[in-house]
Amino acid sequence: MNTFHAVVWVDHQNAQVLQFDAEHVQSDKVKAHTHHTRQHGSEVRSEHEFFAAVCDAMAGIAEVLVCGPHTGIADFKHYAEKHRPETAKRIVGYEPLDHVTENQLVAKARQYFDKHDRMAGTPTPTPT
């Protein structure tokens, strides 16, 4: 499914990428791979691998809203801006948000994009 908008819910262990249009929603889940080692820096490497996989899951999506716990989205934003600037350019906003259902997340994203598109003066693309 190649859509214009998506919402990503991310923390430090899990991410859910929801691509959507007026009629359909496609969900992709990304989980962190936990490495139980005592090696210095392995926790940072694991987080970078996880955030890289989240960025990969967002490939081809024009506009993305990122939601999640404050620390999760702050760390993801830092990673994307530093290591994936092309992905960071397509992220239109960051919204702190507790765990919600998939339907609640999509509803929040639709509301956000309706407002965002109106403020930018660009209409939300509609299927032809």
Protein backbone atom coordinates (compact mmCIF):
# COMPACT_ATOMS: atom_id res chain seq x y z
CA MET A 1 0.00 0.00 0.00
CA ASN A 2 1.56 3.30 -1.05
CA THR A 3 -0.18 6.14 0.75
CA PHE A 4 0.45 9.82 1.33
CA HIS A 5 -0.10 9.86 5.11
CA ALA A 6 0.95 7.65 7.99
CA VAL A 7 1.06 7.76 11.75
CA VAL A 8 3.77 6.02 13.76
CA TRP A 9 3.44 5.16 17.44
CA VAL A 10 6.92 4.57 18.84
CA ASP A 11 8.54 3.94 22.21
CA HIS A 12 11.90 2.28 22.91
CA GLN A 13 10.70 -1.29 22.34
CA ASN A 14 7.86 -1.24 19.80
CA ALA A 15 6.60 0.77 16.90
CA GLN A 16 3.45 0.60 14.84
CA VAL A 17 3.38 2.22 11.40
CA LEU A 18 -0.16 2.85 10.16
CA GLN A 19 -0.45 3.94 6.55
CA PHE A 20 -3.90 5.13 5.63
CA ASP A 21 -6.10 6.75 3.04
CA ALA A 22 -9.80 7.57 3.10
CA GLU A 23 -10.84 3.92 3.02
CA HIS A 24 -7.96 1.67 4.07
CA VAL A 25 -5.43 1.24 6.86
CA GLN A 26 -2.30 -0.91 6.67
CA SER A 27 -0.45 -1.74 9.87
CA ASP A 28 3.21 -2.73 10.16
CA LYS A 29 4.82 -3.52 13.51
CA VAL A 30 8.48 -3.17 14.39
CA LYS A 31 9.95 -4.66 17.57
CA ALA A 32 13.32 -3.95 19.13
CA HIS A 33 15.70 -6.89 19.26
CA THR A 34 16.95 -7.12 22.81
CA HIS A 35 20.58 -8.14 23.16
CA HIS A 36 21.38 -9.46 26.61
CA THR A 37 25.07 -8.66 26.70
CA ARG A 38 27.24 -6.72 29.08
CA GLN A 39 29.16 -5.14 26.24
CA HIS A 40 29.56 -1.37 26.58
CA GLY A 41 27.39 0.52 24.10
CA SER A 42 25.29 -2.47 23.04
CA GLU A 43 22.12 -0.80 24.34
CA VAL A 44 22.74 2.23 22.11
CA ARG A 45 23.44 -0.01 19.11
CA SER A 46 20.21 -1.92 19.73
CA GLU A 47 18.22 1.32 19.94
CA HIS A 48 19.82 2.60 16.72
CA GLU A 49 19.01 -0.68 14.95
CA PHE A 50 15.41 -0.42 16.14
CA PHE A 51 15.02 3.23 15.09
CA ALA A 52 16.63 2.39 11.72
CA ALA A 53 14.02 -0.33 11.17
CA VAL A 54 11.25 2.15 12.05
CA CYS A 55 12.66 4.61 9.49
CA ASP A 56 12.82 1.81 6.90
CA ALA A 57 9.14 1.03 7.56
CA MET A 58 8.31 4.68 6.76
CA ALA A 59 9.99 4.56 3.33
CA GLY A 60 7.90 6.00 0.51
CA ILE A 61 5.40 7.79 2.75
CA ALA A 62 5.16 11.52 2.01
CA GLU A 63 3.94 12.81 5.39
CA VAL A 64 4.28 11.09 8.76
CA LEU A 65 3.00 12.00 12.22
CA VAL A 66 5.02 10.41 15.04
CA CYS A 67 3.29 9.74 18.38
CA GLY A 68 4.26 8.01 21.59
CA PRO A 69 5.65 8.60 25.06
CA HIS A 70 7.63 11.84 25.31
CA THR A 71 11.03 10.20 25.80
CA GLY A 72 10.42 7.70 23.00
CA ILE A 73 9.53 10.32 20.42
CA ALA A 74 12.31 12.67 21.61
CA ASP A 75 14.92 9.93 21.18
CA PHE A 76 13.47 8.89 17.82
CA LYS A 77 13.45 12.52 16.61
CA HIS A 78 17.11 12.90 17.62
CA TYR A 79 18.01 9.67 15.80
CA ALA A 80 16.09 10.58 12.63
CA GLU A 81 17.50 14.11 12.42
CA LYS A 82 21.07 12.92 12.98
CA HIS A 83 21.15 9.63 11.05
CA ARG A 84 18.20 9.75 8.62
CA PRO A 85 17.72 13.40 7.54
CA GLU A 86 15.68 12.39 4.46
CA THR A 87 13.22 10.56 6.68
CA ALA A 88 13.18 13.42 9.20
CA LYS A 89 12.11 15.84 6.43
CA ARG A 90 8.94 13.80 5.86
CA ILE A 91 7.94 13.86 9.53
CA VAL A 92 5.43 16.70 9.86
CA GLY A 93 4.90 16.51 13.60
CA TYR A 94 5.57 14.84 16.92
CA GLU A 95 2.70 14.36 19.40
CA PRO A 96 3.15 12.92 22.91
CA LEU A 97 0.54 10.21 23.38
CA ASP A 98 -0.08 7.27 25.71
CA HIS A 99 -1.00 3.83 24.42
CA VAL A 100 -4.19 3.98 22.35
CA THR A 101 -6.02 1.59 20.06
CA GLU A 102 -5.20 1.44 16.37
CA ASN A 103 -8.54 3.10 15.53
CA GLN A 104 -7.91 5.92 18.02
CA LEU A 105 -4.44 6.47 16.59
CA VAL A 106 -5.72 6.68 13.01
CA ALA A 107 -8.53 9.04 14.10
CA LYS A 108 -5.99 11.34 15.78
CA ALA A 109 -3.80 11.27 12.69
CA ARG A 110 -6.71 12.06 10.35
CA GLN A 111 -7.64 15.01 12.57
CA TYR A 112 -4.01 16.18 12.65
CA PHE A 113 -3.56 15.94 8.88
CA ASP A 114 -6.88 17.67 8.14
CA LYS A 115 -5.71 20.62 10.25
CA HIS A 116 -2.10 20.45 8.98
CA ASP A 117 -3.14 20.37 5.31
CA ARG A 118 -5.58 23.27 5.76
CA MET A 119 -2.96 25.39 7.51
CA ALA A 120 -0.39 24.64 4.79
CA GLY A 121 -2.90 25.46 2.07
CA THR A 122 -2.47 22.07 0.47
CA PRO A 123 -5.40 19.74 0.10
CA THR A 124 -5.17 16.20 1.35
CA PRO A 125 -4.73 13.96 -1.71
CA THR A 126 -7.82 11.99 -2.57
CA PRO A 127 -7.92 8.72 -4.50
CA THR A 128 -8.63 9.10 -8.20
